Amino acid sequence: MSTREKVLEEVLVEEAVGVNNEIVLYNDDVNTFDHVIDTLIAVCSHTSEQAEQCALLVHYKGKCTVKTGAYDELKPQCTQLLQAGLSAEII
């Protein structure tokens, strides 16, 4: 392996590690399916089908990863989910 290939491989590994943050949405007994779906569409740019699947997963499994990416990109979205009354965190 050449030095250039080794450096490129190290950079790719660092980039992959940098986007391992997730917004996890948790189940609650307060919000309706419609509210959760509408909020995921508005905040996370989900399609209606994607938002509905996430809402069902949250309901039946207790939680669901709704978005992945860099922390700086996820922070404002997580804040908006919380402001909408949903229970979410970045992990």
C-alpha atoms as a PDB file:
ATOM      1  CA  MET A   1       0.000   0.000   0.000  1.00  0.00           C
ATOM      2  CA  SER A   2       1.470   3.346  -0.984  1.00  0.00           C
ATOM      3  CA  THR A   3       1.682   6.291   1.387  1.00  0.00           C
ATOM      4  CA  ARG A   4      -0.934   8.155  -0.629  1.00  0.00           C
ATOM      5  CA  GLU A   5      -3.387   5.248  -0.407  1.00  0.00           C
ATOM      6  CA  LYS A   6      -2.822   4.946   3.332  1.00  0.00           C
ATOM      7  CA  VAL A   7      -3.468   8.660   3.919  1.00  0.00           C
ATOM      8  CA  LEU A   8      -6.614   8.536   1.768  1.00  0.00           C
ATOM      9  CA  GLU A   9      -7.858   5.521   3.719  1.00  0.00           C
ATOM     10  CA  GLU A  10      -7.297   7.329   7.043  1.00  0.00           C
ATOM     11  CA  VAL A  11      -9.218  10.381   5.802  1.00  0.00           C
ATOM     12  CA  LEU A  12     -12.160   8.245   4.679  1.00  0.00           C
ATOM     13  CA  VAL A  13     -12.271   6.513   8.063  1.00  0.00           C
ATOM     14  CA  GLU A  14     -12.272   9.877   9.884  1.00  0.00           C
ATOM     15  CA  GLU A  15     -15.100  11.158   7.678  1.00  0.00           C
ATOM     16  CA  ALA A  16     -17.183   8.036   8.304  1.00  0.00           C
ATOM     17  CA  VAL A  17     -16.739   8.374  12.067  1.00  0.00           C
ATOM     18  CA  GLY A  18     -17.770  12.051  11.924  1.00  0.00           C
ATOM     19  CA  VAL A  19     -21.341  11.351  10.754  1.00  0.00           C
ATOM     20  CA  ASN A  20     -22.296   8.670  13.249  1.00  0.00           C
ATOM     21  CA  ASN A  21     -24.647  10.920  15.226  1.00  0.00           C
ATOM     22  CA  GLU A  22     -28.333  10.044  15.299  1.00  0.00           C
ATOM     23  CA  ILE A  23     -31.537  11.735  16.363  1.00  0.00           C
ATOM     24  CA  VAL A  24     -33.515   9.143  18.290  1.00  0.00           C
ATOM     25  CA  LEU A  25     -37.236   9.769  18.739  1.00  0.00           C
ATOM     26  CA  TYR A  26     -38.897   8.178  21.780  1.00  0.00           C
ATOM     27  CA  ASN A  27     -42.458   7.060  22.382  1.00  0.00           C
ATOM     28  CA  ASP A  28     -44.790   9.048  24.615  1.00  0.00           C
ATOM     29  CA  ASP A  29     -48.451   8.929  25.543  1.00  0.00           C
ATOM     30  CA  VAL A  30     -49.115  12.550  24.598  1.00  0.00           C
ATOM     31  CA  ASN A  31     -48.578  13.160  20.891  1.00  0.00           C
ATOM     32  CA  THR A  32     -50.846  11.868  18.144  1.00  0.00           C
ATOM     33  CA  PHE A  33     -49.609   9.926  15.140  1.00  0.00           C
ATOM     34  CA  ASP A  34     -50.593  12.840  12.908  1.00  0.00           C
ATOM     35  CA  HIS A  35     -48.575  15.320  14.965  1.00  0.00           C
ATOM     36  CA  VAL A  36     -45.486  13.070  14.945  1.00  0.00           C
ATOM     37  CA  ILE A  37     -45.789  12.430  11.197  1.00  0.00           C
ATOM     38  CA  ASP A  38     -46.343  16.110  10.349  1.00  0.00           C
ATOM     39  CA  THR A  39     -43.401  17.144  12.531  1.00  0.00           C
ATOM     40  CA  LEU A  40     -41.030  14.593  10.981  1.00  0.00           C
ATOM     41  CA  ILE A  41     -42.024  15.787   7.510  1.00  0.00           C
ATOM     42  CA  ALA A  42     -41.496  19.442   8.421  1.00  0.00           C
ATOM     43  CA  VAL A  43     -38.343  19.136  10.530  1.00  0.00           C
ATOM     44  CA  CYS A  44     -36.493  16.114   9.127  1.00  0.00           C
ATOM     45  CA  SER A  45     -37.660  16.356   5.494  1.00  0.00           C
ATOM     46  CA  HIS A  46     -39.156  12.873   5.626  1.00  0.00           C
ATOM     47  CA  THR A  47     -41.584  11.673   3.000  1.00  0.00           C
ATOM     48  CA  SER A  48     -45.042  10.909   4.346  1.00  0.00           C
ATOM     49  CA  GLU A  49     -44.336   7.173   4.078  1.00  0.00           C
ATOM     50  CA  GLN A  50     -41.008   7.488   5.884  1.00  0.00           C
ATOM     51  CA  ALA A  51     -42.550   9.600   8.654  1.00  0.00           C
ATOM     52  CA  GLU A  52     -45.416   7.131   9.089  1.00  0.00           C
ATOM     53  CA  GLN A  53     -43.000   4.191   9.340  1.00  0.00           C
ATOM     54  CA  CYS A  54     -40.938   6.029  11.961  1.00  0.00           C
ATOM     55  CA  ALA A  55     -44.073   6.865  13.949  1.00  0.00           C
ATOM     56  CA  LEU A  56     -45.125   3.211  13.922  1.00  0.00           C
ATOM     57  CA  LEU A  57     -41.660   2.051  14.976  1.00  0.00           C
ATOM     58  CA  VAL A  58     -41.632   4.556  17.831  1.00  0.00           C
ATOM     59  CA  HIS A  59     -45.073   3.403  18.925  1.00  0.00           C
ATOM     60  CA  TYR A  60     -44.333  -0.320  18.869  1.00  0.00           C
ATOM     61  CA  LYS A  61     -40.597  -0.423  19.654  1.00  0.00           C
ATOM     62  CA  GLY A  62     -40.350   2.600  21.960  1.00  0.00           C
ATOM     63  CA  LYS A  63     -37.810   4.480  19.868  1.00  0.00           C
ATOM     64  CA  CYS A  64     -36.542   5.006  16.339  1.00  0.00           C
ATOM     65  CA  THR A  65     -33.590   6.730  14.700  1.00  0.00           C
ATOM     66  CA  VAL A  66     -35.174   9.429  12.549  1.00  0.00           C
ATOM     67  CA  LYS A  67     -32.075  11.193  11.201  1.00  0.00           C
ATOM     68  CA  THR A  68     -28.325  10.600  10.978  1.00  0.00           C
ATOM     69  CA  GLY A  69     -25.536  13.019  10.213  1.00  0.00           C
ATOM     70  CA  ALA A  70     -23.070  15.475  11.649  1.00  0.00           C
ATOM     71  CA  TYR A  71     -23.877  16.813  15.120  1.00  0.00           C
ATOM     72  CA  ASP A  72     -23.956  20.436  13.919  1.00  0.00           C
ATOM     73  CA  GLU A  73     -26.631  19.556  11.337  1.00  0.00           C
ATOM     74  CA  LEU A  74     -28.721  17.502  13.750  1.00  0.00           C
ATOM     75  CA  LYS A  75     -28.722  19.931  16.701  1.00  0.00           C
ATOM     76  CA  PRO A  76     -31.225  22.445  15.232  1.00  0.00           C
ATOM     77  CA  GLN A  77     -33.482  19.632  14.012  1.00  0.00           C
ATOM     78  CA  CYS A  78     -33.485  17.953  17.415  1.00  0.00           C
ATOM     79  CA  THR A  79     -34.271  21.304  19.037  1.00  0.00           C
ATOM     80  CA  GLN A  80     -37.253  21.750  16.704  1.00  0.00           C
ATOM     81  CA  LEU A  81     -38.538  18.255  17.536  1.00  0.00           C
ATOM     82  CA  LEU A  82     -38.301  19.073  21.243  1.00  0.00           C
ATOM     83  CA  GLN A  83     -40.049  22.425  20.734  1.00  0.00           C
ATOM     84  CA  ALA A  84     -42.853  20.545  18.978  1.00  0.00           C
ATOM     85  CA  GLY A  85     -43.343  18.505  22.146  1.00  0.00           C
ATOM     86  CA  LEU A  86     -41.663  15.307  20.961  1.00  0.00           C
ATOM     87  CA  SER A  87     -39.139  13.380  23.011  1.00  0.00           C
ATOM     88  CA  ALA A  88     -35.816  13.140  21.168  1.00  0.00           C
ATOM     89  CA  GLU A  89     -32.085  13.211  21.715  1.00  0.00           C
ATOM     90  CA  ILE A  90     -28.869  13.104  19.725  1.00  0.00           C
ATOM     91  CA  ILE A  91     -26.710  10.078  20.424  1.00  0.00           C
END
